[in-house]
C-alpha atoms as a PDB file:
ATOM      1  CA  MET A   1     -67.009   5.614 -27.543  1.00  0.00           C
ATOM      2  CA  SER A   2     -64.591   4.977 -30.329  1.00  0.00           C
ATOM      3  CA  ILE A   3     -63.573   1.595 -31.612  1.00  0.00           C
ATOM      4  CA  LEU A   4     -60.046   2.102 -30.237  1.00  0.00           C
ATOM      5  CA  ASN A   5     -61.338   2.682 -26.717  1.00  0.00           C
ATOM      6  CA  ARG A   6     -63.475  -0.472 -26.842  1.00  0.00           C
ATOM      7  CA  LEU A   7     -60.558  -2.415 -28.251  1.00  0.00           C
ATOM      8  CA  ASN A   8     -58.251  -1.142 -25.486  1.00  0.00           C
ATOM      9  CA  LYS A   9     -60.804  -2.098 -22.814  1.00  0.00           C
ATOM     10  CA  GLY A  10     -61.187  -5.550 -24.355  1.00  0.00           C
ATOM     11  CA  LEU A  11     -57.420  -6.071 -24.467  1.00  0.00           C
ATOM     12  CA  LEU A  12     -57.140  -4.938 -20.858  1.00  0.00           C
ATOM     13  CA  VAL A  13     -59.785  -7.454 -19.748  1.00  0.00           C
ATOM     14  CA  VAL A  14     -58.174 -10.282 -21.737  1.00  0.00           C
ATOM     15  CA  SER A  15     -54.652  -9.523 -20.488  1.00  0.00           C
ATOM     16  CA  THR A  16     -55.812  -9.167 -16.876  1.00  0.00           C
ATOM     17  CA  THR A  17     -57.716 -12.452 -17.095  1.00  0.00           C
ATOM     18  CA  GLY A  18     -54.688 -14.145 -18.667  1.00  0.00           C
ATOM     19  CA  LEU A  19     -52.394 -12.921 -15.893  1.00  0.00           C
ATOM     20  CA  ALA A  20     -54.853 -14.123 -13.253  1.00  0.00           C
ATOM     21  CA  VAL A  21     -54.993 -17.572 -14.867  1.00  0.00           C
ATOM     22  CA  ILE A  22     -51.191 -17.786 -15.087  1.00  0.00           C
ATOM     23  CA  PHE A  23     -50.792 -16.636 -11.481  1.00  0.00           C
ATOM     24  CA  GLY A  24     -53.428 -19.143 -10.332  1.00  0.00           C
ATOM     25  CA  MET A  25     -51.767 -22.020 -12.205  1.00  0.00           C
ATOM     26  CA  ASN A  26     -48.369 -21.029 -10.813  1.00  0.00           C
ATOM     27  CA  SER A  27     -49.734 -20.958  -7.246  1.00  0.00           C
ATOM     28  CA  SER A  28     -51.459 -24.286  -7.770  1.00  0.00           C
ATOM     29  CA  MET A  29     -48.254 -25.888  -9.067  1.00  0.00           C
ATOM     30  CA  GLY A  30     -46.338 -24.537  -6.066  1.00  0.00           C
ATOM     31  CA  PHE A  31     -48.943 -25.879  -3.653  1.00  0.00           C
ATOM     32  CA  LYS A  32     -48.935 -29.334  -5.281  1.00  0.00           C
ATOM     33  CA  PHE A  33     -45.129 -29.437  -5.308  1.00  0.00           C
ATOM     34  CA  HIS A  34     -44.927 -28.460  -1.637  1.00  0.00           C
ATOM     35  CA  ARG A  35     -47.646 -30.953  -0.630  1.00  0.00           C
ATOM     36  CA  ARG A  36     -45.883 -33.747  -2.526  1.00  0.00           C
ATOM     37  CA  ILE A  37     -42.654 -33.015  -0.658  1.00  0.00           C
ATOM     38  CA  ARG A  38     -44.356 -32.491   2.726  1.00  0.00           C
ATOM     39  CA  GLU A  39     -46.053 -35.894   2.513  1.00  0.00           C
ATOM     40  CA  SER A  40     -42.870 -37.767   1.609  1.00  0.00           C
ATOM     41  CA  GLY A  41     -40.827 -39.844   4.036  1.00  0.00           C
ATOM     42  CA  PHE A  42     -37.569 -37.944   3.569  1.00  0.00           C
ATOM     43  CA  TYR A  43     -39.264 -34.657   4.513  1.00  0.00           C
ATOM     44  CA  LYS A  44     -40.931 -36.062   7.618  1.00  0.00           C
ATOM     45  CA  ASP A  45     -37.741 -37.840   8.716  1.00  0.00           C
ATOM     46  CA  SER A  46     -35.600 -34.717   8.203  1.00  0.00           C
ATOM     47  CA  VAL A  47     -38.009 -32.481  10.120  1.00  0.00           C
ATOM     48  CA  GLU A  48     -38.085 -35.003  12.960  1.00  0.00           C
ATOM     49  CA  MET A  49     -34.267 -35.159  13.017  1.00  0.00           C
ATOM     50  CA  VAL A  50     -33.908 -31.375  13.247  1.00  0.00           C
ATOM     51  CA  ASN A  51     -36.515 -31.242  16.012  1.00  0.00           C
ATOM     52  CA  HIS A  52     -34.359 -33.648  18.054  1.00  0.00           C
ATOM     53  CA  TYR A  53     -31.052 -31.949  17.305  1.00  0.00           C
ATOM     54  CA  PRO A  54     -29.913 -30.082  20.464  1.00  0.00           C
ATOM     55  CA  VAL A  55     -27.950 -27.323  18.676  1.00  0.00           C
ATOM     56  CA  ALA A  56     -30.915 -26.471  16.442  1.00  0.00           C
ATOM     57  CA  LEU A  57     -33.292 -26.457  19.400  1.00  0.00           C
ATOM     58  CA  GLU A  58     -30.941 -24.235  21.383  1.00  0.00           C
ATOM     59  CA  HIS A  59     -30.602 -21.612  18.635  1.00  0.00           C
ATOM     60  CA  LEU A  60     -33.972 -21.785  16.860  1.00  0.00           C
ATOM     61  CA  GLY A  61     -36.124 -22.690  19.860  1.00  0.00           C
ATOM     62  CA  LYS A  62     -38.797 -25.329  20.173  1.00  0.00           C
ATOM     63  CA  PRO A  63     -40.765 -26.236  18.151  1.00  0.00           C
ATOM     64  CA  ILE A  64     -38.927 -25.872  14.867  1.00  0.00           C
ATOM     65  CA  ALA A  65     -41.410 -25.579  12.019  1.00  0.00           C
ATOM     66  CA  PRO A  66     -40.644 -26.047   8.316  1.00  0.00           C
ATOM     67  CA  ARG A  67     -41.800 -23.400   5.878  1.00  0.00           C
ATOM     68  CA  ARG A  68     -42.855 -23.593   2.252  1.00  0.00           C
ATOM     69  CA  ILE A  69     -40.217 -24.869  -0.162  1.00  0.00           C
ATOM     70  CA  SER A  70     -39.565 -22.857  -3.314  1.00  0.00           C
ATOM     71  CA  TYR A  71     -40.093 -25.017  -6.379  1.00  0.00           C
ATOM     72  CA  THR A  72     -38.293 -22.433  -8.496  1.00  0.00           C
ATOM     73  CA  ASP A  73     -35.074 -22.617  -6.441  1.00  0.00           C
ATOM     74  CA  PRO A  74     -32.403 -24.305  -8.616  1.00  0.00           C
ATOM     75  CA  GLU A  75     -30.920 -26.003  -5.513  1.00  0.00           C
ATOM     76  CA  ASN A  76     -34.122 -28.018  -5.101  1.00  0.00           C
ATOM     77  CA  LYS A  77     -33.963 -31.158  -7.217  1.00  0.00           C
ATOM     78  CA  LEU A  78     -36.605 -33.836  -6.988  1.00  0.00           C
ATOM     79  CA  THR A  79     -36.755 -36.970  -9.119  1.00  0.00           C
ATOM     80  CA  ASP A  80     -38.489 -40.289  -8.533  1.00  0.00           C
ATOM     81  CA  LYS A  81     -35.335 -41.770  -6.988  1.00  0.00           C
ATOM     82  CA  GLU A  82     -33.218 -38.861  -5.695  1.00  0.00           C
ATOM     83  CA  VAL A  83     -33.933 -35.632  -3.934  1.00  0.00           C
ATOM     84  CA  SER A  84     -32.018 -32.641  -2.641  1.00  0.00           C
ATOM     85  CA  VAL A  85     -34.103 -29.860  -1.146  1.00  0.00           C
ATOM     86  CA  LYS A  86     -33.626 -26.690   0.834  1.00  0.00           C
ATOM     87  CA  ILE A  87     -36.264 -26.378   3.557  1.00  0.00           C
ATOM     88  CA  PRO A  88     -36.710 -23.054   5.365  1.00  0.00           C
ATOM     89  CA  LEU A  89     -37.075 -23.446   9.150  1.00  0.00           C
ATOM     90  CA  VAL A  90     -38.461 -21.128  11.785  1.00  0.00           C
ATOM     91  CA  GLY A  91     -38.453 -21.363  15.541  1.00  0.00           C
ATOM     92  CA  PRO A  92     -39.432 -18.984  18.332  1.00  0.00           C
ATOM     93  CA  LYS A  93     -35.847 -17.676  18.606  1.00  0.00           C
ATOM     94  CA  ASP A  94     -34.539 -17.544  15.031  1.00  0.00           C
ATOM     95  CA  GLU A  95     -34.790 -18.848  11.475  1.00  0.00           C
ATOM     96  CA  GLY A  96     -32.623 -21.263   9.586  1.00  0.00           C
ATOM     97  CA  MET A  97     -32.385 -23.523   6.576  1.00  0.00           C
ATOM     98  CA  MET A  98     -32.237 -27.305   6.356  1.00  0.00           C
ATOM     99  CA  TYR A  99     -30.686 -29.048   3.353  1.00  0.00           C
ATOM    100  CA  THR A 100     -31.732 -32.672   2.826  1.00  0.00           C
ATOM    101  CA  TRP A 101     -30.439 -35.360   0.461  1.00  0.00           C
ATOM    102  CA  ALA A 102     -32.314 -38.647   0.118  1.00  0.00           C
ATOM    103  CA  GLU A 103     -32.712 -41.558  -2.271  1.00  0.00           C
ATOM    104  CA  ARG A 104     -34.730 -44.693  -2.937  1.00  0.00           C
ATOM    105  CA  ALA A 105     -34.250 -47.619  -5.302  1.00  0.00           C
ATOM    106  CA  SER A 106     -37.758 -47.487  -6.796  1.00  0.00           C
ATOM    107  CA  LEU A 107     -41.107 -45.732  -6.398  1.00  0.00           C
ATOM    108  CA  GLU A 108     -42.317 -48.541  -4.126  1.00  0.00           C
ATOM    109  CA  ASP A 109     -39.336 -48.214  -1.774  1.00  0.00           C
ATOM    110  CA  LYS A 110     -39.089 -46.000   1.271  1.00  0.00           C
ATOM    111  CA  TRP A 111     -36.964 -42.840   1.082  1.00  0.00           C
ATOM    112  CA  VAL A 112     -33.605 -43.083   2.842  1.00  0.00           C
ATOM    113  CA  VAL A 113     -32.143 -39.829   4.140  1.00  0.00           C
ATOM    114  CA  ASN A 114     -28.428 -39.723   3.289  1.00  0.00           C
ATOM    115  CA  ARG A 115     -27.469 -36.352   4.693  1.00  0.00           C
ATOM    116  CA  VAL A 116     -28.962 -33.335   6.454  1.00  0.00           C
ATOM    117  CA  ASP A 117     -27.245 -29.955   6.778  1.00  0.00           C
ATOM    118  CA  ILE A 118     -28.478 -27.032   8.807  1.00  0.00           C
ATOM    119  CA  SER A 119     -27.745 -23.357   8.414  1.00  0.00           C
ATOM    120  CA  ILE A 120     -28.347 -20.926  11.259  1.00  0.00           C
ATOM    121  CA  ARG A 121     -27.664 -17.263  10.661  1.00  0.00           C
ATOM    122  CA  LYS A 122     -25.334 -16.772  13.665  1.00  0.00           C
ATOM    123  CA  LEU A 123     -23.500 -20.093  13.295  1.00  0.00           C
ATOM    124  CA  GLY A 124     -23.223 -20.785   9.567  1.00  0.00           C
ATOM    125  CA  ARG A 125     -23.869 -24.097   7.835  1.00  0.00           C
ATOM    126  CA  TRP A 126     -22.768 -27.638   8.752  1.00  0.00           C
ATOM    127  CA  THR A 127     -23.758 -31.292   8.354  1.00  0.00           C
ATOM    128  CA  PHE A 128     -25.471 -32.721  11.406  1.00  0.00           C
ATOM    129  CA  TYR A 129     -26.526 -36.069   9.939  1.00  0.00           C
ATOM    130  CA  ASP A 130     -24.630 -38.242   7.467  1.00  0.00           C
ATOM    131  CA  ARG A 131     -25.928 -41.770   6.975  1.00  0.00           C
ATOM    132  CA  GLU A 132     -22.478 -43.136   6.095  1.00  0.00           C
ATOM    133  CA  THR A 133     -20.958 -41.638   9.245  1.00  0.00           C
ATOM    134  CA  GLN A 134     -23.874 -42.950  11.313  1.00  0.00           C
ATOM    135  CA  LYS A 135     -23.277 -46.434   9.872  1.00  0.00           C
ATOM    136  CA  ASP A 136     -19.609 -46.205  10.814  1.00  0.00           C
ATOM    137  CA  VAL A 137     -20.483 -45.134  14.360  1.00  0.00           C
ATOM    138  CA  LYS A 138     -23.093 -47.884  14.687  1.00  0.00           C
ATOM    139  CA  GLU A 139     -20.696 -50.532  13.323  1.00  0.00           C
ATOM    140  CA  GLU A 140     -17.956 -49.269  15.640  1.00  0.00           C
ATOM    141  CA  LYS A 141     -20.252 -49.530  18.687  1.00  0.00           C
ATOM    142  CA  GLU A 142     -21.332 -53.051  17.696  1.00  0.00           C
ATOM    143  CA  SER A 143     -17.688 -54.044  17.243  1.00  0.00           C
ATOM    144  CA  GLU A 144     -16.833 -52.597  20.677  1.00  0.00           C
ATOM    145  CA  LYS A 145     -19.702 -54.555  22.271  1.00  0.00           C
ATOM    146  CA  LYS A 146     -18.489 -57.768  20.642  1.00  0.00           C
ATOM    147  CA  SER A 147     -14.931 -57.111  21.842  1.00  0.00           C
ATOM    148  CA  GLU A 148     -16.146 -56.396  25.364  1.00  0.00           C
ATOM    149  CA  ALA A 149     -18.263 -59.556  25.361  1.00  0.00           C
ATOM    150  CA  HIS A 150     -15.301 -61.564  24.077  1.00  0.00           C
ATOM    151  CA  GLU A 151     -13.020 -60.045  26.742  1.00  0.00           C
ATOM    152  CA  GLU A 152     -15.596 -60.846  29.449  1.00  0.00           C
ATOM    153  CA  LYS A 153     -15.770 -64.481  28.299  1.00  0.00           C
ATOM    154  CA  GLY A 154     -11.983 -64.642  28.305  1.00  0.00           C
ATOM    155  CA  SER A 155     -11.898 -63.193  31.822  1.00  0.00           C
ATOM    156  CA  GLU A 156     -14.514 -65.712  32.971  1.00  0.00           C
ATOM    157  CA  LYS A 157     -12.456 -68.604  31.572  1.00  0.00           C
ATOM    158  CA  ILE A 158      -9.320 -67.338  33.322  1.00  0.00           C
ATOM    159  CA  SER A 159     -11.234 -66.970  36.607  1.00  0.00           C
ATOM    160  CA  LYS A 160     -12.675 -70.494  36.320  1.00  0.00           C
ATOM    161  CA  THR A 161      -9.233 -71.888  35.516  1.00  0.00           C
ATOM    162  CA  LYS A 162      -7.765 -70.148  38.568  1.00  0.00           C
ATOM    163  CA  GLU A 163     -10.585 -71.465  40.778  1.00  0.00           C
ATOM    164  CA  LYS A 164     -10.021 -75.031  39.552  1.00  0.00           C
ATOM    165  CA  GLY A 165      -6.300 -74.695  40.231  1.00  0.00           C
ATOM    166  CA  LYS A 166      -6.886 -73.770  43.902  1.00  0.00           C
END
């Protein structure tokens, strides 16, 4: 065997080994990235929200399962304090995509989900949870309860006044 043949075989072994190492490191990084996201509060909260969302359940079926997140997707941004990720979803009936935005003040704080969008092939994409809107709705309901309670007290006073007058 000539020196060139041995050299070619050696280069082939080295390049193949190098590619295997790079592929292995890339897969390992992807697994660690996905595990880090899967174990976080924003991910768990978002998956729970979509599994209780009637429109998603109707079109995707139950249960709705998240799939692996692509760490190379430029739409996925994850820092220590802010996150925006695109999470593939699959159900017995169809597939979809969930987009989640969350934040926290520090590493010790719990993640707070700010917004969750869903995209279903037949229906398009829309926001089904917005923390600001939810706050407004909650505050509005509390205000209505206070008004109703105040009106009831006013009605009671009027009734008592009428009874005393009789």
